[in-house]
Amino acid sequence: MVTSCRSLKEWEIVGRTIGQQILAGTPPEKAVFDARSPTEALRILSHSTSSQRKPRKIRRGGEQDELLRQIANAYRAELDAGNARPRLKLAAEFGYTVQHIGWLLSQARKPRNGQPPLLGPARPGKAGEEPDDG
């Protein structure tokens, strides 16, 4: 909220500066103002809103298990579709960083609550699972 207020103040100053010049008889196309502050304000505002799109909820227990199931299913679907870099797609789809998706996939490869892992062992250097030896 503080960031958006600061951004709005920067733009209000620019608007006031241009308005004063126009009221003083300066044609709008010749009005002069410092664009660095509002441009920086927009960058900050854009950055603050993009970080607000990420999930903030900490999932535990059943919710965590359900998220891991969704991630594992989406991961396999991406592999089946031929995507060689499924983590990128999952990061965009679920709103997490690629690194966090990697962590979630590692959690899906571990047994949980007495249940077998959702994914098989990782294939070193490649997306996917190691084939069963059996």
Protein backbone atom coordinates (compact mmCIF):
# COMPACT_ATOMS: atom_id res chain seq x y z
CA MET A 1 0.00 0.00 0.00
CA VAL A 2 2.83 2.38 0.87
CA THR A 3 4.43 1.76 -2.53
CA SER A 4 1.23 2.53 -4.44
CA CYS A 5 0.69 5.74 -2.43
CA ARG A 6 4.23 6.84 -3.21
CA SER A 7 3.68 6.06 -6.89
CA LEU A 8 0.44 8.01 -6.96
CA LYS A 9 2.15 10.99 -5.30
CA GLU A 10 4.87 10.98 -7.97
CA TRP A 11 2.27 10.99 -10.73
CA GLU A 12 0.24 13.67 -8.98
CA ILE A 13 3.33 15.90 -8.91
CA VAL A 14 3.90 15.37 -12.65
CA GLY A 15 0.24 16.11 -13.41
CA ARG A 16 0.34 19.26 -11.30
CA THR A 17 3.58 20.42 -12.99
CA ILE A 18 2.15 19.92 -16.47
CA GLY A 19 -1.16 21.52 -15.44
CA GLN A 20 0.61 24.62 -14.11
CA GLN A 21 2.55 24.98 -17.35
CA ILE A 22 -0.61 24.65 -19.45
CA LEU A 23 -2.45 27.20 -17.28
CA ALA A 24 0.52 29.53 -17.73
CA GLY A 25 0.02 29.33 -21.51
CA THR A 26 2.62 26.70 -22.42
CA PRO A 27 1.29 24.42 -25.17
CA PRO A 28 0.88 20.84 -23.88
CA GLU A 29 3.42 19.47 -26.37
CA LYS A 30 6.05 21.90 -24.99
CA ALA A 31 5.38 21.20 -21.31
CA VAL A 32 8.51 20.03 -19.51
CA PHE A 33 8.67 17.61 -16.58
CA ASP A 34 11.09 15.13 -15.03
CA ALA A 35 10.00 11.68 -16.16
CA ARG A 36 12.48 9.75 -14.00
CA SER A 37 10.43 9.88 -10.79
CA PRO A 38 7.11 8.68 -12.25
CA THR A 39 8.88 6.05 -14.35
CA GLU A 40 10.64 4.76 -11.26
CA ALA A 41 7.34 4.90 -9.39
CA LEU A 42 5.69 2.75 -12.07
CA ARG A 43 8.56 0.25 -11.91
CA ILE A 44 8.20 -0.01 -8.14
CA LEU A 45 4.42 -0.29 -8.41
CA SER A 46 4.71 -2.98 -11.07
CA HIS A 47 7.21 -4.91 -8.98
CA SER A 48 5.06 -4.69 -5.86
CA THR A 49 1.94 -5.96 -7.63
CA SER A 50 3.77 -8.82 -9.32
CA SER A 51 4.96 -10.09 -5.95
CA GLN A 52 1.37 -9.92 -4.66
CA ARG A 53 0.26 -12.45 -7.28
CA LYS A 54 2.31 -15.20 -5.69
CA PRO A 55 0.50 -17.48 -3.28
CA ARG A 56 1.00 -16.41 0.31
CA LYS A 57 -0.77 -19.31 1.97
CA ILE A 58 1.31 -21.89 3.80
CA ARG A 59 -0.13 -25.29 3.12
CA ARG A 60 0.12 -28.06 5.68
CA GLY A 61 -1.22 -31.56 6.09
CA GLY A 62 -3.95 -32.47 3.62
CA GLU A 63 -3.63 -29.22 1.70
CA GLN A 64 0.10 -29.82 1.21
CA ASP A 65 -0.56 -33.38 0.05
CA GLU A 66 -3.18 -32.16 -2.41
CA LEU A 67 -0.79 -29.52 -3.78
CA LEU A 68 1.91 -32.17 -4.22
CA ARG A 69 -0.58 -34.40 -6.07
CA GLN A 70 -1.53 -31.52 -8.37
CA ILE A 71 2.12 -30.67 -9.02
CA ALA A 72 3.02 -34.32 -9.69
CA ASN A 73 0.07 -34.78 -12.08
CA ALA A 74 0.83 -31.54 -13.93
CA TYR A 75 4.52 -32.52 -14.12
CA ARG A 76 3.71 -35.88 -15.69
CA ALA A 77 1.24 -34.22 -18.10
CA GLU A 78 3.95 -31.80 -19.24
CA LEU A 79 6.40 -34.66 -19.74
CA ASP A 80 3.79 -36.61 -21.72
CA ALA A 81 3.24 -33.52 -23.88
CA GLY A 82 6.96 -33.51 -24.70
CA ASN A 83 7.93 -30.48 -22.63
CA ALA A 84 11.65 -30.81 -21.87
CA ARG A 85 11.45 -28.03 -19.23
CA PRO A 86 8.23 -28.67 -17.32
CA ARG A 87 9.31 -26.71 -14.23
CA LEU A 88 9.00 -23.43 -16.14
CA LYS A 89 5.43 -24.21 -17.16
CA LEU A 90 4.52 -25.39 -13.65
CA ALA A 91 6.01 -22.26 -12.09
CA ALA A 92 3.85 -20.06 -14.31
CA GLU A 93 0.76 -22.21 -13.85
CA PHE A 94 0.94 -22.49 -10.06
CA GLY A 95 2.41 -19.05 -9.35
CA TYR A 96 5.61 -20.25 -7.70
CA THR A 97 9.27 -19.78 -8.58
CA VAL A 98 11.03 -22.46 -10.60
CA GLN A 99 13.17 -23.21 -7.53
CA HIS A 100 10.10 -23.73 -5.36
CA ILE A 101 8.57 -26.04 -7.97
CA GLY A 102 11.82 -28.01 -7.81
CA TRP A 103 11.47 -28.28 -4.05
CA LEU A 104 7.84 -29.38 -4.36
CA LEU A 105 8.85 -32.02 -6.92
CA SER A 106 11.53 -33.28 -4.54
CA GLN A 107 8.87 -33.55 -1.83
CA ALA A 108 6.63 -35.48 -4.24
CA ARG A 109 9.48 -37.99 -4.68
CA LYS A 110 9.46 -38.82 -0.95
CA PRO A 111 7.04 -41.18 0.82
CA ARG A 112 4.48 -39.28 2.92
CA ASN A 113 2.12 -40.50 5.62
CA GLY A 114 2.90 -44.14 4.92
CA GLN A 115 2.03 -43.71 1.23
CA PRO A 116 4.44 -44.37 -1.65
CA PRO A 117 6.02 -41.34 -3.37
CA LEU A 118 3.93 -39.55 -5.98
CA LEU A 119 6.88 -39.47 -8.41
CA GLY A 120 9.69 -41.90 -9.05
CA PRO A 121 13.36 -41.04 -8.61
CA ALA A 122 14.66 -38.12 -10.64
CA ARG A 123 16.65 -38.59 -13.81
CA PRO A 124 19.98 -36.76 -13.31
CA GLY A 125 20.28 -33.86 -15.73
CA LYS A 126 16.90 -34.49 -17.38
CA ALA A 127 13.27 -33.88 -16.63
CA GLY A 128 11.33 -36.99 -15.78
CA GLU A 129 11.62 -40.12 -13.68
CA GLU A 130 14.06 -43.01 -13.72
CA PRO A 131 12.53 -46.03 -15.43
CA ASP A 132 11.57 -48.95 -13.21
CA ASP A 133 14.18 -51.70 -13.15
CA GLY A 134 11.54 -54.31 -12.50
